[in-house]
C-alpha atoms as a PDB file:
ATOM      1  CA  MET A   1      -6.651 -23.634  31.817  1.00  0.00           C
ATOM      2  CA  THR A   2      -6.050 -25.856  34.838  1.00  0.00           C
ATOM      3  CA  LYS A   3      -2.344 -26.512  34.318  1.00  0.00           C
ATOM      4  CA  PRO A   4       0.618 -24.636  32.785  1.00  0.00           C
ATOM      5  CA  GLN A   5       0.854 -24.760  28.998  1.00  0.00           C
ATOM      6  CA  ARG A   6       4.001 -24.937  26.889  1.00  0.00           C
ATOM      7  CA  ILE A   7       4.905 -24.171  23.300  1.00  0.00           C
ATOM      8  CA  ARG A   8       8.192 -25.373  21.855  1.00  0.00           C
ATOM      9  CA  ASP A   9       9.725 -22.674  19.705  1.00  0.00           C
ATOM     10  CA  PRO A  10      12.809 -22.963  17.446  1.00  0.00           C
ATOM     11  CA  LEU A  11      14.145 -19.624  18.695  1.00  0.00           C
ATOM     12  CA  HIS A  12      13.172 -19.427  22.363  1.00  0.00           C
ATOM     13  CA  ASN A  13      12.898 -23.163  23.080  1.00  0.00           C
ATOM     14  CA  LEU A  14      10.117 -23.643  25.671  1.00  0.00           C
ATOM     15  CA  ILE A  15       7.641 -20.797  26.035  1.00  0.00           C
ATOM     16  CA  GLU A  16       5.526 -21.401  29.116  1.00  0.00           C
ATOM     17  CA  PHE A  17       2.188 -19.998  30.221  1.00  0.00           C
ATOM     18  CA  ASN A  18       1.363 -20.239  33.917  1.00  0.00           C
ATOM     19  CA  THR A  19      -2.056 -20.545  35.554  1.00  0.00           C
ATOM     20  CA  SER A  20      -2.370 -16.925  36.697  1.00  0.00           C
ATOM     21  CA  GLU A  21      -5.543 -15.117  35.651  1.00  0.00           C
ATOM     22  CA  PHE A  22      -3.623 -12.948  33.187  1.00  0.00           C
ATOM     23  CA  GLU A  23      -1.781 -15.769  31.419  1.00  0.00           C
ATOM     24  CA  ARG A  24      -4.949 -17.876  31.390  1.00  0.00           C
ATOM     25  CA  VAL A  25      -6.586 -15.085  29.374  1.00  0.00           C
ATOM     26  CA  ILE A  26      -3.520 -14.786  27.139  1.00  0.00           C
ATOM     27  CA  TRP A  27      -3.751 -18.514  26.415  1.00  0.00           C
ATOM     28  CA  LYS A  28      -7.447 -18.106  25.534  1.00  0.00           C
ATOM     29  CA  VAL A  29      -6.592 -15.286  23.123  1.00  0.00           C
ATOM     30  CA  ILE A  30      -4.147 -17.599  21.354  1.00  0.00           C
ATOM     31  CA  GLN A  31      -6.983 -20.118  20.824  1.00  0.00           C
ATOM     32  CA  THR A  32      -9.290 -17.590  19.122  1.00  0.00           C
ATOM     33  CA  LYS A  33      -9.917 -17.796  15.367  1.00  0.00           C
ATOM     34  CA  PRO A  34      -8.269 -14.428  14.550  1.00  0.00           C
ATOM     35  CA  PHE A  35      -5.083 -15.485  16.321  1.00  0.00           C
ATOM     36  CA  GLN A  36      -5.073 -18.990  14.845  1.00  0.00           C
ATOM     37  CA  ARG A  37      -5.456 -17.367  11.419  1.00  0.00           C
ATOM     38  CA  LEU A  38      -1.870 -16.108  11.828  1.00  0.00           C
ATOM     39  CA  ARG A  39      -0.713 -19.704  11.294  1.00  0.00           C
ATOM     40  CA  ARG A  40      -1.647 -19.175   7.635  1.00  0.00           C
ATOM     41  CA  ILE A  41       0.255 -15.923   7.147  1.00  0.00           C
ATOM     42  CA  LYS A  42       3.994 -16.154   6.601  1.00  0.00           C
ATOM     43  CA  GLN A  43       6.126 -13.647   8.461  1.00  0.00           C
ATOM     44  CA  LEU A  44       8.267 -12.850   5.417  1.00  0.00           C
ATOM     45  CA  GLY A  45       5.734 -13.149   2.619  1.00  0.00           C
ATOM     46  CA  PHE A  46       7.471 -14.359  -0.543  1.00  0.00           C
ATOM     47  CA  SER A  47      10.952 -14.662   0.977  1.00  0.00           C
ATOM     48  CA  ASP A  48      10.727 -18.459   0.994  1.00  0.00           C
ATOM     49  CA  LEU A  49      11.198 -18.326  -2.789  1.00  0.00           C
ATOM     50  CA  THR A  50      14.795 -17.351  -2.025  1.00  0.00           C
ATOM     51  CA  PHE A  51      15.213 -18.790   1.462  1.00  0.00           C
ATOM     52  CA  PRO A  52      13.306 -22.119   1.587  1.00  0.00           C
ATOM     53  CA  GLY A  53      13.387 -22.185   5.385  1.00  0.00           C
ATOM     54  CA  ALA A  54      11.628 -18.835   5.692  1.00  0.00           C
ATOM     55  CA  THR A  55       8.149 -20.310   6.054  1.00  0.00           C
ATOM     56  CA  HIS A  56       7.754 -19.170   9.664  1.00  0.00           C
ATOM     57  CA  THR A  57       4.464 -17.488  10.463  1.00  0.00           C
ATOM     58  CA  ARG A  58       3.024 -14.444  12.174  1.00  0.00           C
ATOM     59  CA  PHE A  59       1.626 -16.925  14.704  1.00  0.00           C
ATOM     60  CA  ALA A  60       5.068 -18.069  15.855  1.00  0.00           C
ATOM     61  CA  HIS A  61       6.416 -14.518  15.764  1.00  0.00           C
ATOM     62  CA  SER A  62       3.550 -13.117  17.860  1.00  0.00           C
ATOM     63  CA  ILE A  63       4.049 -15.716  20.565  1.00  0.00           C
ATOM     64  CA  GLY A  64       7.778 -15.012  20.461  1.00  0.00           C
ATOM     65  CA  VAL A  65       7.116 -11.294  20.887  1.00  0.00           C
ATOM     66  CA  PHE A  66       4.982 -11.997  23.951  1.00  0.00           C
ATOM     67  CA  HIS A  67       7.734 -14.174  25.419  1.00  0.00           C
ATOM     68  CA  THR A  68      10.368 -11.496  24.760  1.00  0.00           C
ATOM     69  CA  ALA A  69       8.105  -8.784  26.192  1.00  0.00           C
ATOM     70  CA  ARG A  70       7.774 -10.826  29.379  1.00  0.00           C
ATOM     71  CA  GLN A  71      11.560 -10.930  29.668  1.00  0.00           C
ATOM     72  CA  LEU A  72      11.795  -7.175  29.192  1.00  0.00           C
ATOM     73  CA  MET A  73       8.995  -6.599  31.691  1.00  0.00           C
ATOM     74  CA  LYS A  74      10.873  -8.598  34.309  1.00  0.00           C
ATOM     75  CA  ILE A  75      13.733  -6.126  33.906  1.00  0.00           C
ATOM     76  CA  VAL A  76      11.275  -3.261  34.363  1.00  0.00           C
ATOM     77  CA  GLN A  77       9.908  -4.863  37.530  1.00  0.00           C
ATOM     78  CA  GLU A  78      13.378  -5.474  38.964  1.00  0.00           C
ATOM     79  CA  LYS A  79      14.612  -1.953  38.222  1.00  0.00           C
ATOM     80  CA  LEU A  80      11.500  -0.069  39.339  1.00  0.00           C
ATOM     81  CA  GLY A  81      10.765  -2.122  42.437  1.00  0.00           C
ATOM     82  CA  THR A  82       7.350  -3.140  43.718  1.00  0.00           C
ATOM     83  CA  ASP A  83       6.393   0.394  44.795  1.00  0.00           C
ATOM     84  CA  LYS A  84       6.726   1.951  41.327  1.00  0.00           C
ATOM     85  CA  TYR A  85       5.931  -1.056  39.139  1.00  0.00           C
ATOM     86  CA  SER A  86       2.389  -1.101  37.709  1.00  0.00           C
ATOM     87  CA  ASP A  87       0.877  -4.549  37.164  1.00  0.00           C
ATOM     88  CA  SER A  88      -2.031  -3.054  35.225  1.00  0.00           C
ATOM     89  CA  LYS A  89       0.200  -1.183  32.759  1.00  0.00           C
ATOM     90  CA  ALA A  90       2.411  -4.242  32.388  1.00  0.00           C
ATOM     91  CA  SER A  91      -0.601  -6.433  31.582  1.00  0.00           C
ATOM     92  CA  VAL A  92      -1.799  -4.038  28.885  1.00  0.00           C
ATOM     93  CA  ALA A  93       1.677  -3.895  27.339  1.00  0.00           C
ATOM     94  CA  LEU A  94       2.115  -7.674  27.360  1.00  0.00           C
ATOM     95  CA  ALA A  95      -1.300  -8.234  25.789  1.00  0.00           C
ATOM     96  CA  ALA A  96      -0.480  -5.618  23.145  1.00  0.00           C
ATOM     97  CA  ALA A  97       2.779  -7.425  22.391  1.00  0.00           C
ATOM     98  CA  LEU A  98       0.824 -10.623  21.732  1.00  0.00           C
ATOM     99  CA  VAL A  99      -1.889  -9.183  19.481  1.00  0.00           C
ATOM    100  CA  HIS A 100       0.035  -6.433  17.666  1.00  0.00           C
ATOM    101  CA  ASP A 101       0.066  -8.357  14.343  1.00  0.00           C
ATOM    102  CA  LEU A 102      -3.506  -9.688  14.325  1.00  0.00           C
ATOM    103  CA  GLY A 103      -4.539  -7.453  11.450  1.00  0.00           C
ATOM    104  CA  HIS A 104      -1.975  -8.537   8.865  1.00  0.00           C
ATOM    105  CA  GLY A 105      -3.453  -9.659   5.571  1.00  0.00           C
ATOM    106  CA  MET A 106      -2.246 -12.273   3.120  1.00  0.00           C
ATOM    107  CA  PHE A 107       1.468 -12.024   2.376  1.00  0.00           C
ATOM    108  CA  SER A 108       1.723  -9.402   5.115  1.00  0.00           C
ATOM    109  CA  HIS A 109       3.126  -6.051   3.968  1.00  0.00           C
ATOM    110  CA  THR A 110       2.660  -6.822   0.267  1.00  0.00           C
ATOM    111  CA  PHE A 111      -1.126  -6.846   0.616  1.00  0.00           C
ATOM    112  CA  GLU A 112      -1.003  -3.753   2.799  1.00  0.00           C
ATOM    113  CA  SER A 113       0.889  -1.822   0.100  1.00  0.00           C
ATOM    114  CA  LEU A 114      -1.772  -2.868  -2.392  1.00  0.00           C
ATOM    115  CA  GLY A 115      -4.472  -1.696  -0.003  1.00  0.00           C
ATOM    116  CA  LYS A 116      -2.919   1.768   0.154  1.00  0.00           C
ATOM    117  CA  LYS A 117      -3.020   2.040  -3.642  1.00  0.00           C
ATOM    118  CA  LEU A 118      -6.733   1.210  -3.642  1.00  0.00           C
ATOM    119  CA  ASP A 119      -7.512   3.021  -0.369  1.00  0.00           C
ATOM    120  CA  LEU A 120      -8.804  -0.160   1.275  1.00  0.00           C
ATOM    121  CA  LYS A 121      -9.294   0.488   4.982  1.00  0.00           C
ATOM    122  CA  MET A 122      -9.372  -3.185   5.883  1.00  0.00           C
ATOM    123  CA  ALA A 123      -6.079  -3.833   4.105  1.00  0.00           C
ATOM    124  CA  ARG A 124      -4.264  -1.662   6.663  1.00  0.00           C
ATOM    125  CA  HIS A 125      -3.121  -3.993   9.402  1.00  0.00           C
ATOM    126  CA  GLU A 126      -3.330  -1.326  12.119  1.00  0.00           C
ATOM    127  CA  GLU A 127      -7.012  -0.722  11.353  1.00  0.00           C
ATOM    128  CA  VAL A 128      -7.836  -4.431  11.182  1.00  0.00           C
ATOM    129  CA  SER A 129      -5.964  -5.067  14.436  1.00  0.00           C
ATOM    130  CA  LYS A 130      -7.946  -2.293  16.109  1.00  0.00           C
ATOM    131  CA  GLN A 131     -11.263  -3.727  14.929  1.00  0.00           C
ATOM    132  CA  ILE A 132     -10.317  -7.239  16.061  1.00  0.00           C
ATOM    133  CA  ILE A 133      -9.244  -6.064  19.501  1.00  0.00           C
ATOM    134  CA  LEU A 134     -12.348  -3.925  20.025  1.00  0.00           C
ATOM    135  CA  ASN A 135     -15.128  -5.798  18.175  1.00  0.00           C
ATOM    136  CA  ASN A 136     -14.324  -9.476  17.951  1.00  0.00           C
ATOM    137  CA  GLU A 137     -14.115 -12.638  20.036  1.00  0.00           C
ATOM    138  CA  VAL A 138     -10.631 -11.443  21.011  1.00  0.00           C
ATOM    139  CA  ALA A 139     -12.284  -8.440  22.654  1.00  0.00           C
ATOM    140  CA  GLU A 140     -14.637 -10.687  24.622  1.00  0.00           C
ATOM    141  CA  VAL A 141     -11.700 -12.689  25.962  1.00  0.00           C
ATOM    142  CA  LEU A 142      -9.687  -9.571  26.850  1.00  0.00           C
ATOM    143  CA  LYS A 143     -12.689  -8.140  28.722  1.00  0.00           C
ATOM    144  CA  GLU A 144     -12.143 -10.858  31.320  1.00  0.00           C
ATOM    145  CA  LEU A 145      -9.316  -8.592  32.521  1.00  0.00           C
ATOM    146  CA  GLY A 146     -11.632  -5.571  32.699  1.00  0.00           C
ATOM    147  CA  SER A 147     -14.272  -3.968  30.492  1.00  0.00           C
ATOM    148  CA  GLY A 148     -11.855  -1.262  29.349  1.00  0.00           C
ATOM    149  CA  PHE A 149      -8.909  -3.593  28.815  1.00  0.00           C
ATOM    150  CA  PRO A 150      -9.385  -4.069  25.016  1.00  0.00           C
ATOM    151  CA  ARG A 151      -9.539  -0.294  24.545  1.00  0.00           C
ATOM    152  CA  ASP A 152      -6.322   0.183  26.544  1.00  0.00           C
ATOM    153  CA  VAL A 153      -4.549  -2.468  24.445  1.00  0.00           C
ATOM    154  CA  SER A 154      -5.751  -0.914  21.189  1.00  0.00           C
ATOM    155  CA  THR A 155      -4.679   2.563  22.311  1.00  0.00           C
ATOM    156  CA  LEU A 156      -1.182   1.374  23.156  1.00  0.00           C
ATOM    157  CA  ILE A 157      -0.746  -0.340  19.780  1.00  0.00           C
ATOM    158  CA  SER A 158      -1.933   2.815  17.988  1.00  0.00           C
ATOM    159  CA  LYS A 159       0.647   5.042  19.689  1.00  0.00           C
ATOM    160  CA  GLY A 160       3.344   6.296  17.373  1.00  0.00           C
ATOM    161  CA  THR A 161       5.815   7.203  20.109  1.00  0.00           C
ATOM    162  CA  PRO A 162       6.212   5.508  23.499  1.00  0.00           C
ATOM    163  CA  SER A 163       5.211   7.697  26.433  1.00  0.00           C
ATOM    164  CA  ASP A 164       6.584   5.513  29.207  1.00  0.00           C
ATOM    165  CA  LEU A 165       8.629   2.421  29.945  1.00  0.00           C
ATOM    166  CA  TYR A 166       5.706   0.038  29.455  1.00  0.00           C
ATOM    167  CA  ASP A 167       5.042   1.430  25.982  1.00  0.00           C
ATOM    168  CA  ALA A 168       8.742   1.021  25.153  1.00  0.00           C
ATOM    169  CA  VAL A 169       8.443  -2.744  25.636  1.00  0.00           C
ATOM    170  CA  VAL A 170       5.941  -2.799  22.760  1.00  0.00           C
ATOM    171  CA  SER A 171       7.180   0.013  20.516  1.00  0.00           C
ATOM    172  CA  SER A 172      10.666   1.516  20.635  1.00  0.00           C
ATOM    173  CA  GLN A 173      14.121   1.102  19.121  1.00  0.00           C
ATOM    174  CA  PHE A 174      14.644  -1.846  21.457  1.00  0.00           C
ATOM    175  CA  ASP A 175      11.209  -3.441  21.655  1.00  0.00           C
ATOM    176  CA  ALA A 176      10.049  -7.036  21.889  1.00  0.00           C
ATOM    177  CA  ASP A 177       8.819  -7.100  18.286  1.00  0.00           C
ATOM    178  CA  ARG A 178      12.185  -6.121  16.836  1.00  0.00           C
ATOM    179  CA  LEU A 179      14.152  -8.367  19.179  1.00  0.00           C
ATOM    180  CA  ASP A 180      12.112 -11.375  18.088  1.00  0.00           C
ATOM    181  CA  TYR A 181      11.933 -10.836  14.337  1.00  0.00           C
ATOM    182  CA  MET A 182      15.625  -9.974  14.007  1.00  0.00           C
ATOM    183  CA  GLN A 183      16.606 -13.267  15.595  1.00  0.00           C
ATOM    184  CA  ARG A 184      13.800 -15.338  14.077  1.00  0.00           C
ATOM    185  CA  ASP A 185      14.275 -14.074  10.526  1.00  0.00           C
ATOM    186  CA  ARG A 186      18.017 -14.733  10.685  1.00  0.00           C
ATOM    187  CA  LEU A 187      17.454 -18.223  12.055  1.00  0.00           C
ATOM    188  CA  MET A 188      14.821 -19.233   9.520  1.00  0.00           C
ATOM    189  CA  THR A 189      16.533 -17.731   6.465  1.00  0.00           C
ATOM    190  CA  GLY A 190      19.957 -19.062   7.439  1.00  0.00           C
ATOM    191  CA  VAL A 191      21.499 -15.596   7.109  1.00  0.00           C
ATOM    192  CA  GLN A 192      24.457 -15.392   9.486  1.00  0.00           C
ATOM    193  CA  ASN A 193      25.939 -11.950   8.867  1.00  0.00           C
ATOM    194  CA  SER A 194      26.533 -11.323  12.546  1.00  0.00           C
ATOM    195  CA  GLY A 195      25.187 -12.683  15.783  1.00  0.00           C
ATOM    196  CA  ILE A 196      22.902 -10.941  18.259  1.00  0.00           C
ATOM    197  CA  ASP A 197      23.997 -11.490  21.841  1.00  0.00           C
ATOM    198  CA  PHE A 198      20.478 -11.260  23.200  1.00  0.00           C
ATOM    199  CA  ALA A 199      21.351 -12.650  26.640  1.00  0.00           C
ATOM    200  CA  TRP A 200      24.117 -10.073  27.140  1.00  0.00           C
ATOM    201  CA  LEU A 201      21.940  -7.210  25.942  1.00  0.00           C
ATOM    202  CA  ILE A 202      19.182  -8.179  28.368  1.00  0.00           C
ATOM    203  CA  LYS A 203      21.686  -8.624  31.197  1.00  0.00           C
ATOM    204  CA  ASN A 204      22.977  -5.089  30.673  1.00  0.00           C
ATOM    205  CA  LEU A 205      19.651  -3.306  30.314  1.00  0.00           C
ATOM    206  CA  GLU A 206      19.127  -0.319  32.566  1.00  0.00           C
ATOM    207  CA  ILE A 207      16.354   2.224  32.915  1.00  0.00           C
ATOM    208  CA  GLY A 208      16.981   5.915  32.434  1.00  0.00           C
ATOM    209  CA  GLU A 209      15.439   9.161  31.254  1.00  0.00           C
ATOM    210  CA  VAL A 210      16.042  10.421  27.725  1.00  0.00           C
ATOM    211  CA  PRO A 211      14.682  13.479  25.860  1.00  0.00           C
ATOM    212  CA  SER A 212      11.394  12.781  24.097  1.00  0.00           C
ATOM    213  CA  GLY A 213      12.236  15.226  21.284  1.00  0.00           C
ATOM    214  CA  VAL A 214      15.194  15.705  18.984  1.00  0.00           C
ATOM    215  CA  ASP A 215      16.141  19.333  19.726  1.00  0.00           C
ATOM    216  CA  ASP A 216      15.501  22.226  22.112  1.00  0.00           C
ATOM    217  CA  SER A 217      11.780  21.947  21.445  1.00  0.00           C
ATOM    218  CA  SER A 218      11.757  18.576  23.234  1.00  0.00           C
ATOM    219  CA  LEU A 219       8.554  17.856  25.099  1.00  0.00           C
ATOM    220  CA  GLY A 220      10.509  16.621  28.093  1.00  0.00           C
ATOM    221  CA  ASN A 221      12.068  13.385  29.247  1.00  0.00           C
ATOM    222  CA  ILE A 222      10.662   9.877  29.170  1.00  0.00           C
ATOM    223  CA  GLU A 223      11.757   6.800  31.051  1.00  0.00           C
ATOM    224  CA  THR A 224      12.986   4.058  28.745  1.00  0.00           C
ATOM    225  CA  PHE A 225      15.595   1.336  28.273  1.00  0.00           C
ATOM    226  CA  ILE A 226      19.262   2.240  28.095  1.00  0.00           C
ATOM    227  CA  LEU A 227      22.291  -0.030  27.848  1.00  0.00           C
ATOM    228  CA  SER A 228      25.230  -0.174  30.195  1.00  0.00           C
ATOM    229  CA  PRO A 229      28.651   0.657  28.635  1.00  0.00           C
ATOM    230  CA  LYS A 230      29.535  -3.027  28.975  1.00  0.00           C
ATOM    231  CA  ALA A 231      27.108  -3.809  26.165  1.00  0.00           C
ATOM    232  CA  ILE A 232      28.367  -1.266  23.636  1.00  0.00           C
ATOM    233  CA  TYR A 233      29.824  -3.864  21.265  1.00  0.00           C
ATOM    234  CA  ALA A 234      26.726  -6.058  21.554  1.00  0.00           C
ATOM    235  CA  ALA A 235      24.649  -2.955  20.777  1.00  0.00           C
ATOM    236  CA  GLU A 236      26.735  -2.238  17.671  1.00  0.00           C
ATOM    237  CA  THR A 237      26.193  -5.804  16.487  1.00  0.00           C
ATOM    238  CA  TYR A 238      22.452  -5.457  17.154  1.00  0.00           C
ATOM    239  CA  VAL A 239      22.223  -2.351  14.954  1.00  0.00           C
ATOM    240  CA  LEU A 240      24.396  -3.827  12.197  1.00  0.00           C
ATOM    241  CA  SER A 241      22.362  -7.040  12.201  1.00  0.00           C
ATOM    242  CA  LEU A 242      19.181  -5.041  11.662  1.00  0.00           C
ATOM    243  CA  PHE A 243      20.668  -3.051   8.795  1.00  0.00           C
ATOM    244  CA  GLN A 244      22.080  -6.173   7.127  1.00  0.00           C
ATOM    245  CA  LEU A 245      18.701  -7.899   7.071  1.00  0.00           C
ATOM    246  CA  TYR A 246      17.282  -5.312   4.682  1.00  0.00           C
ATOM    247  CA  PRO A 247      19.530  -5.764   1.619  1.00  0.00           C
ATOM    248  CA  THR A 248      20.130  -9.444   2.353  1.00  0.00           C
ATOM    249  CA  VAL A 249      16.573 -10.622   3.078  1.00  0.00           C
ATOM    250  CA  TYR A 250      13.802  -8.027   3.024  1.00  0.00           C
ATOM    251  CA  TYR A 251      14.897  -6.287  -0.206  1.00  0.00           C
ATOM    252  CA  HIS A 252      16.212  -9.346  -2.033  1.00  0.00           C
ATOM    253  CA  LYS A 253      15.524  -8.957  -5.759  1.00  0.00           C
ATOM    254  CA  THR A 254      13.645 -12.267  -6.081  1.00  0.00           C
ATOM    255  CA  THR A 255      11.375 -11.430  -3.160  1.00  0.00           C
ATOM    256  CA  ARG A 256      10.733  -7.917  -4.423  1.00  0.00           C
ATOM    257  CA  GLY A 257       9.977  -9.250  -7.892  1.00  0.00           C
ATOM    258  CA  ALA A 258       7.422 -11.711  -6.523  1.00  0.00           C
ATOM    259  CA  GLU A 259       5.834  -8.930  -4.470  1.00  0.00           C
ATOM    260  CA  LYS A 260       5.485  -6.758  -7.566  1.00  0.00           C
ATOM    261  CA  MET A 261       3.937  -9.584  -9.586  1.00  0.00           C
ATOM    262  CA  PHE A 262       1.473 -10.365  -6.790  1.00  0.00           C
ATOM    263  CA  SER A 263       0.557  -6.685  -6.440  1.00  0.00           C
ATOM    264  CA  PHE A 264      -0.102  -6.303 -10.173  1.00  0.00           C
ATOM    265  CA  LEU A 265      -2.188  -9.482 -10.197  1.00  0.00           C
ATOM    266  CA  MET A 266      -4.296  -8.522  -7.179  1.00  0.00           C
ATOM    267  CA  LEU A 267      -4.715  -4.968  -8.421  1.00  0.00           C
ATOM    268  CA  ARG A 268      -6.170  -6.327 -11.659  1.00  0.00           C
ATOM    269  CA  VAL A 269      -8.352  -8.900  -9.877  1.00  0.00           C
ATOM    270  CA  LEU A 270      -9.827  -6.401  -7.411  1.00  0.00           C
ATOM    271  CA  LYS A 271     -10.530  -3.875 -10.153  1.00  0.00           C
ATOM    272  CA  LEU A 272     -12.356  -6.523 -12.192  1.00  0.00           C
ATOM    273  CA  ILE A 273     -14.444  -7.442  -9.144  1.00  0.00           C
ATOM    274  CA  ARG A 274     -15.279  -3.787  -8.504  1.00  0.00           C
ATOM    275  CA  ASP A 275     -16.324  -3.431 -12.170  1.00  0.00           C
ATOM    276  CA  ASN A 276     -18.679  -6.435 -11.893  1.00  0.00           C
ATOM    277  CA  GLN A 277     -16.453  -8.563 -14.122  1.00  0.00           C
ATOM    278  CA  THR A 278     -15.714 -11.296 -11.603  1.00  0.00           C
ATOM    279  CA  ALA A 279     -16.008 -14.016 -14.263  1.00  0.00           C
ATOM    280  CA  LYS A 280     -12.801 -12.727 -15.871  1.00  0.00           C
ATOM    281  CA  THR A 281     -10.867 -13.400 -12.640  1.00  0.00           C
ATOM    282  CA  GLY A 282     -11.510 -17.137 -12.741  1.00  0.00           C
ATOM    283  CA  LEU A 283     -12.750 -17.008  -9.144  1.00  0.00           C
ATOM    284  CA  PRO A 284     -16.155 -18.249  -7.926  1.00  0.00           C
ATOM    285  CA  GLN A 285     -18.549 -15.721  -6.394  1.00  0.00           C
ATOM    286  CA  ASN A 286     -18.079 -17.191  -2.917  1.00  0.00           C
ATOM    287  CA  HIS A 287     -14.281 -16.931  -2.983  1.00  0.00           C
ATOM    288  CA  PRO A 288     -12.845 -14.861  -0.088  1.00  0.00           C
ATOM    289  CA  ILE A 289     -11.055 -12.496  -2.492  1.00  0.00           C
ATOM    290  CA  VAL A 290     -14.307 -11.837  -4.370  1.00  0.00           C
ATOM    291  CA  LYS A 291     -16.191 -11.210  -1.129  1.00  0.00           C
ATOM    292  CA  PHE A 292     -13.473  -8.820   0.010  1.00  0.00           C
ATOM    293  CA  GLY A 293     -13.485  -7.024  -3.351  1.00  0.00           C
ATOM    294  CA  ASN A 294     -17.248  -6.533  -3.119  1.00  0.00           C
ATOM    295  CA  ASP A 295     -17.135  -5.329   0.496  1.00  0.00           C
ATOM    296  CA  SER A 296     -13.646  -4.332   1.573  1.00  0.00           C
ATOM    297  CA  ASP A 297     -14.935  -2.584   4.725  1.00  0.00           C
ATOM    298  CA  SER A 298     -16.092  -5.869   6.257  1.00  0.00           C
ATOM    299  CA  LEU A 299     -13.935  -7.199   9.088  1.00  0.00           C
ATOM    300  CA  GLU A 300     -15.270 -10.696   8.431  1.00  0.00           C
ATOM    301  CA  ASN A 301     -14.147 -10.514   4.797  1.00  0.00           C
ATOM    302  CA  ALA A 302     -10.729  -9.186   5.778  1.00  0.00           C
ATOM    303  CA  LEU A 303     -10.211 -12.024   8.256  1.00  0.00           C
ATOM    304  CA  ALA A 304     -11.077 -14.595   5.586  1.00  0.00           C
ATOM    305  CA  LEU A 305      -7.929 -13.637   3.663  1.00  0.00           C
ATOM    306  CA  ASP A 306      -4.675 -15.486   4.296  1.00  0.00           C
ATOM    307  CA  ASP A 307      -1.748 -16.778   2.240  1.00  0.00           C
ATOM    308  CA  ASN A 308      -3.685 -19.879   1.213  1.00  0.00           C
ATOM    309  CA  VAL A 309      -6.682 -18.228  -0.450  1.00  0.00           C
ATOM    310  CA  SER A 310      -4.688 -16.712  -3.306  1.00  0.00           C
ATOM    311  CA  GLY A 311      -2.292 -19.623  -3.688  1.00  0.00           C
ATOM    312  CA  ASP A 312      -5.167 -22.056  -4.251  1.00  0.00           C
ATOM    313  CA  HIS A 313      -6.056 -20.295  -7.510  1.00  0.00           C
ATOM    314  CA  TYR A 314      -3.084 -18.166  -8.483  1.00  0.00           C
ATOM    315  CA  GLY A 315      -0.169 -20.081  -6.977  1.00  0.00           C
END
């Protein structure tokens, strides 16, 4: 990459990538096949049956998460100062923000729920993401930032609880993922229950120590984001907006009905494939779903699945 690159986004407007070594690698990751595959996976699965505008993808969301993580990391840098700020930890966190959704299968969480019923390892997006980051062309690109860099990124994504401020950018109650999807999902569905004053929230972010446990058995304190009292009303709106998305969008009866129908269909199809009755599915032997049914532990087969492969035959 010899010059800065730009992506125009409906939520964040211009998202820019500079010519630094780190952002050059980030741009290369975006060009890889596993990342480009996210263009064919809708962020909200079947929600566009109810909200026609909700056709936005994991691709757009992932880039938005990276952009938001950069904004949060600038706050970290400003508050910590150059002496305490770690460029290496920041780079790992920002890369993790970009690739955190690489492992999602077709129709996102719907396929993952099906995978749990059938105990399909490669239907769990965390496992697929891990394999992509460690054993794929994405890993080869990330290694340009250090041989152990892919492992560090994978480890951060696998953490259940943030252990420091850099982790909190990727996974916390106020992380880049949540900040992007809350705004993006509202924008693309047209749901306007309440606004999120993102600029004011960011402006009033502070860094402080909070207990890492929930009672006297706490393991100690961790450094994370806190909000200034000036942002209390914006924080209330943020929480309410998140709660309102669930009954309004994520748990809408039409969406849930479509998810159930898809799950029943795929459950039947995969069982027929496993029982060597592929002909009854109406799918050719070389179809990605058939290949996945015959070898569900294959990363290659998992990556061949996207929203299009089922719609072509069962849409």
